Amino acid sequence: MDGNTEPAQDWGPFGRPLFNDPSARALSRVGVVDVGSNSVRLVVFDGAARSPAYFYNEKIMCALGAGLSETGRLNPEGRVRALKAIRRFQEIARQICDGALSAVATAAVREAEDGPDFCNEVLRQTGLKIHVIDGQEEARLSAQGVLLGWPGSYGLVCDIGGSSMELAEIGNDTVGKRVTSALGPLKLRDLKGGKKGRRAYINEVLDDLKDTMGSQRNRLFLVGGSWRAIARIDMERRGYPLHVLHEYRMTAKSINATARYIEESDLEELRQRSGVSANRMALVPYAIDVLKGVIRRFKPHDIAVSSYGIREGLLYEQMPPALRKRDPLVEAARFAEAKDARLPGFGKTLYDFVGPLFSGWKPEKKRLVKAACLLHDVSWRAHPDYRAEVCFDNATRANLGGLRHSERVFLGMALLHRYRNKREGTRFENLYALIDEKAQLEAEILGKAMRFGAMLWLDKGADIGKLDWRPKKRELTLTIPPSAQALFGEVAEARLQSLAGSLQAEVRVKIKT
C-alpha cells in the first residue's frame, strides 16, 4: 500500500498514480475504457512501464455520436450497444486486470443532453465511473499519448474522433496550445447543404483553428481511427509492404493522391482491399476532406501516423519526469529480455562487446544496437529452422513506440543475422528495400557480431573478451581472456570469420595469458 486512503475516483480518470513506487515500474495489468463518439474500446496494458504492451485490445463500433447534431442526444441503438460492450469489458477486466478499470468519455457523451444519464446508467449496471473530459483535456491527453511513443517530439498533434477534432502543439516534452472543434466525420455527415456546404463549413472552422494555433510547419501527428483508415488506403494505393500503422509516414502529395484514389474508387471494393471496416469506411470521405484542409493550412514538413492517443496519454500522465525521458524502445527491449531471455542481463555484456564496431555512430543509431543486443535471445523457443524469421517478424511488426519503419527493418535484419548468415530466401525480402544497401550491410554486421558474441556466453558481467576495429586499416582484432578461451571453438571461429568477411577485414586473435 502507498498510504493513500482517498477513493480512487478522487484522483481523476485514471485512479491513483501508478508509477510513484519503483516496484510498480514492472507494471502489472491496467485496463482503460475509452468511450468515443464512434467506438468504445477496452485496452489492457501489461508489462514495461515506459513502453506498455497491449495485453488485450478490443473495440466495438457503437456510433454513439450518430445523429447528435440533429437530436442533441446519443444514438439510441449505439447507447444500447455501448452499454453491452462496457458490461463485457468490465467482466473481462475482472478476469485479467490487477486493478479496477478506468474509463473516459469524449465529445459525444460530453455534448449529448442525455450524456449524464448514460454515465449514471453505466455506473448503476456495472459499477464503472465514466470521467467525461472536455475538448481541451482530450487534446492534451492525445498529445501526451504521442509523447509516450516519441519522447522529444515536436510538431502538431491532430486527433480526430467521431464528433470532434482536436489540435495540440508539442515540443520540449510538453503540450502547448490546444484547441477543439466539431470537425468529426459523424457530425460532418449530418450537415445540411451537401458536399459544397460541408466543405465551406470545414474551411471556415479550419481558418479559425489556424488563427488560434498559428504557424505549425513541423511534423503533423495523426491520431484517430479515421486517419488510420486513410493511412491503410494510402498503403494499399502505394503497394507498401509493411502494414504497421504506427509511425507510417505520408506527405501532402501522397495524401492528395489518396484523396483522388478514394473519389475514383468503389468504396466497398476499396474497403475490402485495404482491410477497413464498413463503419469506418463510411466516414473516410468526410475525414479526407478535413485532412486535406489541415495540410493546406499548416503545411507540415512531414506526416506521421500515431497509434497512441488518449489511452496512452493517461498512462503518460502518471509517469514521473525521469521515467518519461526513458527510451520506449530500449525499455521494451529490457522488459522482453528480463521476461524471455535465457540469461537476462547478458544483453548489456553483448552490447559492450560489439560496441567498438559502432563507436562512430550517433546516439539515435546506437539505441538500435542496444535494443538488438537486449533482444538477441528472446526468441530462443522458436524452432531453429524458423528462429531467424521469427526474430525479423517480431521486430518489424511488434507494437513498439519510438521506432520508424526503416528502423524496424534494420532491427529485424540485425536479429535475422543473429541466427542466419544470409538474408536471401526469406518471405520478408519485399521489406528489405525499406532501407538502403548501406544500412542492410550495417544490420548484417551487427547481426553477425551478436551471432559471434553469443558463442562467448558467460554469466552477465563476465569478461568475454574485446573487439578492436580499425576501419581505415580494415583490421579486426579479438582479444580473449582466460575465462573465455574454452568457448572459442571451431564454430565460434567460423562465425568470427563470417563477421570479418562482412567487414572486409583481416582478423587477428590474441589470447591473454
Protein backbone atom coordinates (compact mmCIF):
# COMPACT_ATOMS: atom_id res chain seq x y z
CA MET A 1 0.00 0.00 0.00
CA ASP A 2 1.17 3.59 -0.63
CA GLY A 3 -0.51 5.00 2.46
CA ASN A 4 -3.17 6.85 0.48
CA THR A 5 -6.70 6.31 1.77
CA GLU A 6 -8.64 8.51 -0.67
CA PRO A 7 -11.11 6.79 -3.02
CA ALA A 8 -9.60 6.03 -6.42
CA GLN A 9 -12.10 8.30 -8.22
CA ASP A 10 -10.80 11.37 -6.34
CA TRP A 11 -7.54 11.06 -8.26
CA GLY A 12 -9.31 11.72 -11.55
CA PRO A 13 -9.98 9.45 -14.52
CA PHE A 14 -7.03 7.12 -14.04
CA GLY A 15 -7.29 6.43 -10.33
CA ARG A 16 -4.25 6.59 -8.07
CA PRO A 17 -0.80 7.29 -9.58
CA LEU A 18 0.83 4.12 -10.86
CA PHE A 19 4.49 4.97 -11.05
CA ASN A 20 5.38 6.65 -7.75
CA ASP A 21 6.54 3.38 -6.24
CA PRO A 22 9.65 1.96 -8.00
CA SER A 23 8.21 -1.54 -7.59
CA ALA A 24 5.41 -0.52 -9.95
CA ARG A 25 7.90 0.02 -12.78
CA ALA A 26 7.41 -3.62 -13.73
CA LEU A 27 3.84 -2.62 -14.43
CA SER A 28 1.11 -5.18 -13.91
CA ARG A 29 -2.06 -5.10 -15.96
CA VAL A 30 -4.04 -1.89 -16.14
CA GLY A 31 -7.31 -1.51 -18.05
CA VAL A 32 -8.68 1.63 -19.74
CA VAL A 33 -12.10 2.04 -21.38
CA ASP A 34 -12.36 4.83 -23.98
CA VAL A 35 -15.98 5.77 -24.76
CA GLY A 36 -15.68 7.64 -28.04
CA SER A 37 -18.22 9.09 -30.42
CA ASN A 38 -17.73 6.27 -32.90
CA SER A 39 -16.24 3.36 -30.94
CA VAL A 40 -15.98 2.03 -27.40
CA ARG A 41 -12.65 0.35 -26.69
CA LEU A 42 -11.00 -1.61 -23.91
CA VAL A 43 -7.22 -1.66 -23.72
CA VAL A 44 -5.37 -3.63 -21.06
CA PHE A 45 -1.72 -2.62 -20.77
CA ASP A 46 0.82 -5.06 -19.43
CA GLY A 47 4.49 -5.03 -18.63
CA ALA A 48 7.17 -2.42 -19.24
CA ALA A 49 6.03 0.82 -17.66
CA ARG A 50 7.69 3.16 -20.19
CA SER A 51 6.55 1.15 -23.19
CA PRO A 52 3.33 -0.64 -22.20
CA ALA A 53 2.46 -3.83 -24.02
CA TYR A 54 -1.08 -4.37 -25.24
CA PHE A 55 -2.24 -7.43 -23.37
CA TYR A 56 -5.84 -7.04 -24.55
CA ASN A 57 -7.36 -4.67 -27.10
CA GLU A 58 -10.99 -4.79 -28.26
CA LYS A 59 -13.32 -2.21 -29.74
CA ILE A 60 -17.00 -2.11 -30.61
CA MET A 61 -18.24 0.35 -33.23
CA CYS A 62 -21.24 1.88 -31.44
CA ALA A 63 -21.60 5.27 -33.21
CA LEU A 64 -22.84 6.98 -30.04
CA GLY A 65 -22.48 10.33 -31.79
CA ALA A 66 -24.52 9.46 -34.90
CA GLY A 67 -27.39 11.95 -35.30
CA LEU A 68 -26.24 14.02 -32.32
CA SER A 69 -26.25 17.27 -34.32
CA GLU A 70 -29.94 16.82 -35.16
CA THR A 71 -31.32 15.33 -31.94
CA GLY A 72 -28.94 16.57 -29.27
CA ARG A 73 -28.98 13.07 -27.83
CA LEU A 74 -26.90 9.94 -28.06
CA ASN A 75 -27.76 7.45 -30.78
CA PRO A 76 -30.27 5.12 -29.01
CA GLU A 77 -29.02 1.98 -30.75
CA GLY A 78 -25.42 3.00 -30.11
CA ARG A 79 -26.21 3.61 -26.47
CA VAL A 80 -27.55 0.07 -26.07
CA ARG A 81 -24.51 -1.39 -27.83
CA ALA A 82 -22.12 0.72 -25.77
CA LEU A 83 -23.68 -0.41 -22.52
CA LYS A 84 -23.42 -4.05 -23.57
CA ALA A 85 -19.80 -3.53 -24.59
CA ILE A 86 -18.92 -1.90 -21.26
CA ARG A 87 -20.59 -4.76 -19.36
CA ARG A 88 -18.46 -7.19 -21.35
CA PHE A 89 -15.31 -5.15 -20.78
CA GLN A 90 -15.94 -4.97 -17.05
CA GLU A 91 -16.27 -8.76 -16.88
CA ILE A 92 -13.09 -9.26 -18.91
CA ALA A 93 -11.24 -6.84 -16.64
CA ARG A 94 -12.27 -8.82 -13.56
CA GLN A 95 -10.51 -11.83 -15.03
CA ILE A 96 -7.30 -10.26 -16.33
CA CYS A 97 -6.68 -6.92 -14.60
CA ASP A 98 -5.00 -6.43 -11.24
CA GLY A 99 -6.98 -3.28 -10.52
CA ALA A 100 -10.22 -1.54 -11.38
CA LEU A 101 -10.93 -0.26 -14.87
CA SER A 102 -10.56 3.43 -15.63
CA ALA A 103 -12.97 4.97 -18.12
CA VAL A 104 -13.10 8.23 -20.07
CA ALA A 105 -15.69 9.60 -22.49
CA THR A 106 -15.19 12.27 -25.12
CA ALA A 107 -17.22 14.51 -27.46
CA ALA A 108 -20.49 12.59 -27.93
CA VAL A 109 -21.11 11.96 -24.23
CA ARG A 110 -19.99 15.43 -23.13
CA GLU A 111 -22.25 17.16 -25.70
CA ALA A 112 -25.37 15.00 -25.54
CA GLU A 113 -28.15 16.14 -23.23
CA ASP A 114 -28.56 12.53 -22.09
CA GLY A 115 -24.80 12.07 -21.58
CA PRO A 116 -25.03 12.31 -17.77
CA ASP A 117 -27.92 9.84 -17.78
CA PHE A 118 -25.86 7.39 -19.84
CA CYS A 119 -22.94 7.68 -17.39
CA ASN A 120 -25.28 7.09 -14.46
CA GLU A 121 -26.76 4.05 -16.18
CA VAL A 122 -23.30 2.61 -16.73
CA LEU A 123 -22.46 3.23 -13.06
CA ARG A 124 -25.68 1.53 -11.90
CA GLN A 125 -25.29 -1.52 -14.09
CA THR A 126 -21.52 -2.04 -13.97
CA GLY A 127 -20.14 -0.01 -11.06
CA LEU A 128 -17.81 1.76 -13.52
CA LYS A 129 -17.47 5.54 -13.19
CA ILE A 130 -17.01 7.28 -16.53
CA HIS A 131 -14.98 10.50 -16.44
CA VAL A 132 -16.22 12.88 -19.15
CA ILE A 133 -13.35 15.05 -20.39
CA ASP A 134 -13.66 18.34 -22.25
CA GLY A 135 -12.10 19.10 -25.62
CA GLN A 136 -9.04 20.82 -24.20
CA GLU A 137 -8.30 17.84 -21.98
CA GLU A 138 -8.91 15.43 -24.86
CA ALA A 139 -6.36 17.36 -26.95
CA ARG A 140 -3.83 17.34 -24.10
CA LEU A 141 -4.16 13.61 -23.41
CA SER A 142 -3.88 12.71 -27.11
CA ALA A 143 -0.74 14.81 -27.38
CA GLN A 144 0.70 13.08 -24.32
CA GLY A 145 -0.03 9.75 -25.98
CA VAL A 146 2.17 10.86 -28.88
CA LEU A 147 4.91 11.86 -26.43
CA LEU A 148 4.74 8.41 -24.88
CA GLY A 149 5.75 6.94 -28.22
CA TRP A 150 8.10 9.71 -29.35
CA PRO A 151 10.00 11.34 -26.46
CA GLY A 152 11.35 14.71 -27.52
CA SER A 153 8.94 15.06 -30.44
CA TYR A 154 7.84 18.44 -31.71
CA GLY A 155 5.01 19.43 -34.02
CA LEU A 156 1.23 19.42 -34.22
CA VAL A 157 -0.97 16.57 -32.98
CA CYS A 158 -4.28 16.20 -34.80
CA ASP A 159 -6.74 13.83 -33.13
CA ILE A 160 -9.97 13.05 -34.96
CA GLY A 161 -12.85 11.25 -33.30
CA GLY A 162 -16.40 10.67 -34.44
CA SER A 163 -17.78 14.03 -33.25
CA SER A 164 -14.75 16.27 -32.80
CA MET A 165 -11.22 17.02 -33.92
CA GLU A 166 -8.54 18.38 -31.60
CA LEU A 167 -5.22 20.09 -32.30
CA ALA A 168 -2.34 20.40 -29.85
CA GLU A 169 1.25 21.54 -30.25
CA ILE A 170 4.07 19.58 -28.63
CA GLY A 171 7.71 20.45 -28.03
CA ASN A 172 10.33 20.04 -25.29
CA ASP A 173 8.30 17.11 -23.93
CA THR A 174 5.37 19.38 -23.09
CA VAL A 175 1.96 20.15 -24.57
CA GLY A 176 1.42 23.75 -25.62
CA LYS A 177 -1.54 25.44 -27.27
CA ARG A 178 -4.54 23.24 -27.95
CA VAL A 179 -7.99 23.65 -29.41
CA THR A 180 -11.08 21.55 -30.12
CA SER A 181 -13.57 21.69 -32.99
CA ALA A 182 -16.70 19.99 -34.31
CA LEU A 183 -14.93 18.51 -37.35
CA GLY A 184 -15.64 14.88 -36.51
CA PRO A 185 -16.92 12.89 -39.51
CA LEU A 186 -20.15 11.81 -37.77
CA LYS A 187 -21.09 15.48 -37.38
CA LEU A 188 -19.99 16.38 -40.89
CA ARG A 189 -22.17 13.59 -42.27
CA ASP A 190 -25.21 15.19 -40.65
CA LEU A 191 -24.59 18.68 -42.05
CA LYS A 192 -27.08 20.18 -44.50
CA GLY A 193 -26.03 21.55 -47.86
CA GLY A 194 -24.34 18.54 -49.42
CA LYS A 195 -20.68 18.39 -50.38
CA LYS A 196 -20.46 22.11 -51.15
CA GLY A 197 -21.95 23.14 -47.82
CA ARG A 198 -19.80 20.65 -45.91
CA ARG A 199 -16.58 21.88 -47.50
CA ALA A 200 -17.49 25.51 -46.84
CA TYR A 201 -18.07 24.66 -43.18
CA ILE A 202 -14.77 22.73 -42.95
CA ASN A 203 -12.88 25.68 -44.47
CA GLU A 204 -14.48 28.17 -42.09
CA VAL A 205 -13.66 26.12 -39.00
CA LEU A 206 -10.11 25.34 -40.13
CA ASP A 207 -9.44 29.03 -40.81
CA ASP A 208 -10.40 29.77 -37.19
CA LEU A 209 -8.19 26.91 -35.94
CA LYS A 210 -5.26 28.25 -37.97
CA ASP A 211 -5.72 31.71 -36.44
CA THR A 212 -5.70 30.17 -32.94
CA MET A 213 -2.79 27.76 -33.38
CA GLY A 214 -0.56 29.96 -35.57
CA SER A 215 2.25 28.57 -37.70
CA GLN A 216 2.77 24.82 -37.17
CA ARG A 217 5.02 23.76 -40.04
CA ASN A 218 6.81 20.95 -38.24
CA ARG A 219 5.66 17.34 -38.15
CA LEU A 220 1.94 16.55 -38.17
CA PHE A 221 0.99 13.58 -35.97
CA LEU A 222 -2.30 11.93 -36.90
CA VAL A 223 -4.27 10.26 -34.07
CA GLY A 224 -7.63 8.54 -34.52
CA GLY A 225 -9.36 5.74 -36.37
CA SER A 226 -10.37 7.77 -39.43
CA TRP A 227 -6.76 8.85 -40.00
CA ARG A 228 -5.58 5.26 -39.63
CA ALA A 229 -8.17 4.15 -42.19
CA ILE A 230 -6.84 6.74 -44.65
CA ALA A 231 -3.30 5.50 -43.97
CA ARG A 232 -4.39 1.93 -44.76
CA ILE A 233 -5.80 3.11 -48.05
CA ASP A 234 -2.61 5.04 -48.79
CA MET A 235 -0.62 1.83 -48.15
CA GLU A 236 -2.91 -0.10 -50.48
CA ARG A 237 -2.60 2.52 -53.22
CA ARG A 238 1.21 2.54 -52.96
CA GLY A 239 1.62 -1.22 -52.55
CA TYR A 240 3.52 -0.51 -49.34
CA PRO A 241 4.85 -3.79 -47.90
CA LEU A 242 4.89 -3.20 -44.12
CA HIS A 243 1.33 -2.99 -42.82
CA VAL A 244 2.17 -1.35 -39.49
CA LEU A 245 0.26 1.89 -38.99
CA HIS A 246 2.27 3.33 -36.12
CA GLU A 247 4.97 5.68 -37.50
CA TYR A 248 3.76 5.22 -41.07
CA ARG A 249 4.84 8.33 -42.98
CA MET A 250 2.91 10.25 -45.62
CA THR A 251 3.37 13.51 -47.50
CA ALA A 252 0.93 16.15 -48.64
CA LYS A 253 1.40 14.89 -52.19
CA SER A 254 0.60 11.28 -51.26
CA ILE A 255 -2.50 12.30 -49.28
CA ASN A 256 -3.82 14.32 -52.21
CA ALA A 257 -3.20 11.31 -54.46
CA THR A 258 -5.03 9.08 -51.99
CA ALA A 259 -7.94 11.53 -51.84
CA ARG A 260 -8.32 11.25 -55.62
CA TYR A 261 -7.97 7.47 -55.35
CA ILE A 262 -10.84 7.36 -52.85
CA GLU A 263 -13.06 9.56 -55.03
CA GLU A 264 -12.43 7.40 -58.08
CA SER A 265 -12.85 4.03 -56.36
CA ASP A 266 -15.81 1.87 -55.49
CA LEU A 267 -15.77 2.28 -51.70
CA GLU A 268 -16.84 -1.29 -50.96
CA GLU A 269 -14.14 -2.78 -53.17
CA LEU A 270 -11.59 -0.36 -51.73
CA ARG A 271 -12.68 -1.24 -48.20
CA GLN A 272 -12.11 -4.94 -48.80
CA ARG A 273 -8.71 -4.40 -50.44
CA SER A 274 -7.43 -2.15 -47.67
CA GLY A 275 -8.94 -4.00 -44.70
CA VAL A 276 -11.01 -1.08 -43.40
CA SER A 277 -14.26 -1.83 -41.54
CA ALA A 278 -17.55 -0.88 -43.17
CA ASN A 279 -18.44 1.57 -40.38
CA ARG A 280 -15.08 3.28 -40.64
CA MET A 281 -15.10 3.35 -44.44
CA ALA A 282 -18.40 5.21 -44.43
CA LEU A 283 -16.67 8.10 -42.66
CA VAL A 284 -13.49 8.22 -44.75
CA PRO A 285 -14.83 10.62 -47.47
CA TYR A 286 -15.64 13.19 -44.76
CA ALA A 287 -12.34 12.71 -42.93
CA ILE A 288 -10.21 13.06 -46.05
CA ASP A 289 -11.73 16.49 -46.75
CA VAL A 290 -10.73 17.59 -43.25
CA LEU A 291 -7.21 16.20 -43.60
CA LYS A 292 -6.61 17.96 -46.91
CA GLY A 293 -7.73 21.22 -45.29
CA VAL A 294 -5.44 20.75 -42.28
CA ILE A 295 -2.47 20.13 -44.56
CA ARG A 296 -3.21 23.14 -46.78
CA ARG A 297 -3.24 25.45 -43.79
CA PHE A 298 -0.42 24.14 -41.65
CA LYS A 299 1.91 22.82 -44.39
CA PRO A 300 3.71 20.23 -42.25
CA HIS A 301 7.16 19.11 -43.39
CA ASP A 302 6.11 15.51 -42.87
CA ILE A 303 3.17 13.49 -41.57
CA ALA A 304 3.30 10.53 -39.18
CA VAL A 305 0.51 8.23 -38.06
CA SER A 306 0.33 7.55 -34.33
CA SER A 307 -1.46 4.53 -32.90
CA TYR A 308 -1.05 6.15 -29.48
CA GLY A 309 -3.68 8.59 -28.24
CA ILE A 310 -5.86 9.27 -25.23
CA ARG A 311 -5.40 5.87 -23.59
CA GLU A 312 -1.62 6.09 -23.79
CA GLY A 313 -1.83 9.73 -22.72
CA LEU A 314 -3.48 8.63 -19.49
CA LEU A 315 -0.52 6.37 -18.80
CA TYR A 316 1.94 9.16 -19.63
CA GLU A 317 0.08 11.39 -17.18
CA GLN A 318 1.11 9.14 -14.31
CA MET A 319 4.80 8.90 -15.18
CA PRO A 320 7.34 10.93 -13.19
CA PRO A 321 9.66 13.06 -15.37
CA ALA A 322 12.60 10.65 -15.07
CA LEU A 323 10.52 7.80 -16.45
CA ARG A 324 9.12 9.91 -19.29
CA LYS A 325 12.64 10.60 -20.55
CA ARG A 326 13.48 6.92 -20.97
CA ASP A 327 13.63 5.47 -24.47
CA PRO A 328 10.45 3.41 -25.03
CA LEU A 329 12.21 1.08 -27.47
CA VAL A 330 15.06 0.28 -25.08
CA GLU A 331 12.68 -0.09 -22.13
CA ALA A 332 10.51 -2.55 -24.09
CA ALA A 333 13.62 -4.50 -25.11
CA ARG A 334 14.81 -4.61 -21.49
CA PHE A 335 11.44 -5.93 -20.38
CA ALA A 336 11.47 -8.58 -23.12
CA GLU A 337 14.97 -9.69 -22.13
CA ALA A 338 14.06 -9.94 -18.45
CA LYS A 339 10.94 -11.96 -19.30
CA ASP A 340 12.11 -14.22 -22.14
CA ALA A 341 15.90 -14.44 -22.47
CA ARG A 342 17.76 -17.49 -21.21
CA LEU A 343 20.37 -15.32 -19.47
CA PRO A 344 18.81 -11.95 -18.59
CA GLY A 345 21.48 -9.30 -18.30
CA PHE A 346 23.78 -10.74 -20.97
CA GLY A 347 22.41 -8.20 -23.46
CA LYS A 348 24.46 -5.42 -21.84
CA THR A 349 27.59 -7.60 -21.89
CA LEU A 350 26.98 -8.25 -25.58
CA TYR A 351 26.39 -4.55 -26.25
CA ASP A 352 29.71 -3.65 -24.63
CA PHE A 353 31.44 -6.39 -26.64
CA VAL A 354 30.15 -5.37 -30.08
CA GLY A 355 30.28 -1.63 -29.28
CA PRO A 356 33.72 -0.93 -30.84
CA LEU A 357 32.31 -1.77 -34.26
CA PHE A 358 29.84 1.11 -33.93
CA SER A 359 31.78 3.66 -31.92
CA GLY A 360 31.30 6.39 -34.53
CA TRP A 361 27.54 6.07 -34.65
CA LYS A 362 25.23 8.78 -33.35
CA PRO A 363 23.03 8.05 -30.31
CA GLU A 364 19.89 7.59 -32.43
CA LYS A 365 21.60 4.68 -34.20
CA LYS A 366 23.36 3.27 -31.15
CA ARG A 367 19.97 2.81 -29.47
CA LEU A 368 19.17 0.26 -32.20
CA VAL A 369 22.36 -1.63 -31.35
CA LYS A 370 21.36 -1.61 -27.69
CA ALA A 371 17.83 -2.84 -28.48
CA ALA A 372 19.17 -5.59 -30.74
CA CYS A 373 21.56 -6.85 -28.06
CA LEU A 374 18.78 -6.90 -25.48
CA LEU A 375 16.52 -8.80 -27.88
CA HIS A 376 19.15 -11.15 -29.30
CA ASP A 377 17.99 -14.21 -27.32
CA VAL A 378 14.29 -13.61 -26.62
CA SER A 379 13.12 -15.87 -29.49
CA TRP A 380 15.13 -18.93 -28.48
CA ARG A 381 11.96 -21.01 -28.02
CA ALA A 382 11.21 -20.85 -31.74
CA HIS A 383 12.16 -23.84 -33.89
CA PRO A 384 15.81 -23.41 -35.02
CA ASP A 385 14.78 -23.55 -38.69
CA TYR A 386 12.47 -20.55 -38.22
CA ARG A 387 14.21 -18.61 -35.46
CA ALA A 388 15.71 -16.01 -37.81
CA GLU A 389 12.35 -15.31 -39.46
CA VAL A 390 10.57 -15.16 -36.10
CA CYS A 391 13.09 -12.52 -34.96
CA PHE A 392 12.53 -10.43 -38.09
CA ASP A 393 8.77 -10.76 -37.82
CA ASN A 394 8.75 -9.74 -34.16
CA ALA A 395 10.94 -6.69 -34.69
CA THR A 396 9.07 -5.36 -37.72
CA ARG A 397 5.51 -6.00 -36.56
CA ALA A 398 5.62 -5.67 -32.77
CA ASN A 399 3.65 -2.84 -31.18
CA LEU A 400 6.67 -0.70 -30.27
CA GLY A 401 6.97 3.03 -29.84
CA GLY A 402 9.88 5.22 -30.87
CA LEU A 403 10.67 3.18 -33.97
CA ARG A 404 10.41 4.34 -37.58
CA HIS A 405 9.58 1.76 -40.24
CA SER A 406 13.14 1.88 -41.60
CA GLU A 407 14.42 1.27 -38.05
CA ARG A 408 12.05 -1.68 -37.67
CA VAL A 409 13.53 -3.28 -40.78
CA PHE A 410 17.09 -2.53 -39.65
CA LEU A 411 16.44 -4.07 -36.22
CA GLY A 412 14.68 -7.06 -37.79
CA MET A 413 17.52 -7.66 -40.24
CA ALA A 414 20.14 -7.47 -37.48
CA LEU A 415 18.23 -10.04 -35.42
CA LEU A 416 17.76 -12.22 -38.50
CA HIS A 417 21.54 -12.25 -38.97
CA ARG A 418 21.94 -13.13 -35.32
CA TYR A 419 20.70 -16.59 -36.34
CA ARG A 420 21.47 -16.75 -40.04
CA ASN A 421 24.38 -15.65 -42.23
CA LYS A 422 22.33 -14.93 -45.35
CA ARG A 423 19.10 -12.95 -45.61
CA GLU A 424 18.11 -14.22 -49.06
CA GLY A 425 15.36 -16.81 -49.32
CA THR A 426 13.01 -15.49 -46.59
CA ARG A 427 9.42 -14.44 -47.01
CA PHE A 428 10.35 -10.90 -45.98
CA GLU A 429 12.53 -9.92 -48.93
CA ASN A 430 9.96 -7.38 -50.11
CA LEU A 431 10.63 -5.39 -46.91
CA TYR A 432 14.39 -5.17 -47.31
CA ALA A 433 14.10 -2.27 -49.75
CA LEU A 434 12.75 -0.02 -46.96
CA ILE A 435 16.41 0.51 -46.00
CA ASP A 436 19.30 1.21 -48.39
CA GLU A 437 22.18 -1.15 -49.13
CA LYS A 438 24.50 0.59 -46.67
CA ALA A 439 22.01 0.12 -43.84
CA GLN A 440 21.47 -3.51 -44.88
CA LEU A 441 25.21 -4.15 -44.59
CA GLU A 442 25.34 -2.41 -41.20
CA ALA A 443 22.48 -4.59 -39.96
CA GLU A 444 24.29 -7.67 -41.27
CA ILE A 445 27.47 -6.68 -39.41
CA LEU A 446 25.55 -6.08 -36.18
CA GLY A 447 23.75 -9.41 -36.51
CA LYS A 448 26.93 -11.35 -37.21
CA ALA A 449 28.71 -9.61 -34.33
CA MET A 450 25.91 -10.71 -32.00
CA ARG A 451 25.97 -14.19 -33.53
CA PHE A 452 29.65 -14.48 -32.69
CA GLY A 453 29.41 -12.78 -29.29
CA ALA A 454 26.67 -15.16 -28.21
CA MET A 455 29.17 -18.00 -28.54
CA LEU A 456 31.16 -16.48 -25.65
CA TRP A 457 28.21 -16.85 -23.33
CA LEU A 458 29.19 -16.45 -19.68
CA ASP A 459 27.45 -15.04 -16.63
CA LYS A 460 26.26 -11.47 -17.08
CA GLY A 461 29.04 -9.01 -16.34
CA ALA A 462 31.78 -11.58 -17.04
CA ASP A 463 34.76 -10.69 -19.22
CA ILE A 464 34.07 -12.37 -22.56
CA GLY A 465 36.82 -10.62 -24.46
CA LYS A 466 37.29 -7.49 -26.50
CA LEU A 467 36.95 -6.47 -30.13
CA ASP A 468 39.16 -3.78 -31.62
CA TRP A 469 38.17 -2.40 -35.03
CA ARG A 470 40.42 -0.25 -37.21
CA PRO A 471 38.18 0.66 -40.17
CA LYS A 472 40.84 2.53 -42.15
CA LYS A 473 43.21 -0.43 -41.99
CA ARG A 474 40.32 -2.94 -42.19
CA GLU A 475 41.75 -4.76 -39.16
CA LEU A 476 39.59 -6.62 -36.65
CA THR A 477 41.32 -7.90 -33.51
CA LEU A 478 39.77 -10.22 -30.94
CA THR A 479 41.38 -10.43 -27.51
CA ILE A 480 40.20 -13.41 -25.46
CA PRO A 481 40.65 -13.64 -21.68
CA PRO A 482 41.46 -16.94 -19.96
CA SER A 483 37.84 -17.30 -18.80
CA ALA A 484 36.56 -17.43 -22.39
CA GLN A 485 39.31 -19.41 -24.12
CA ALA A 486 37.48 -22.73 -23.90
CA LEU A 487 34.45 -21.13 -25.61
CA PHE A 488 36.42 -20.10 -28.69
CA GLY A 489 35.94 -23.35 -30.60
CA GLU A 490 35.71 -24.02 -34.31
CA VAL A 491 32.09 -22.84 -34.63
CA ALA A 492 32.92 -19.58 -32.85
CA GLU A 493 35.95 -19.14 -35.09
CA ALA A 494 33.82 -19.67 -38.20
CA ARG A 495 31.37 -17.02 -37.00
CA LEU A 496 34.22 -14.59 -36.36
CA GLN A 497 35.47 -15.16 -39.91
CA SER A 498 31.96 -14.54 -41.26
CA LEU A 499 31.85 -11.22 -39.39
CA ALA A 500 35.27 -10.30 -40.77
CA GLY A 501 34.05 -11.13 -44.27
CA SER A 502 31.15 -8.67 -43.95
CA LEU A 503 33.58 -6.04 -42.66
CA GLN A 504 36.04 -6.86 -45.47
CA ALA A 505 38.64 -7.10 -42.72
CA GLU A 506 41.70 -9.11 -41.81
CA VAL A 507 41.16 -10.75 -38.44
CA ARG A 508 43.66 -11.38 -35.66
CA VAL A 509 43.12 -13.30 -32.43
CA LYS A 510 45.08 -12.54 -29.26
CA ILE A 511 44.98 -15.00 -26.36
CA LYS A 512 45.54 -13.43 -22.97
CA THR A 513 47.77 -15.36 -20.61
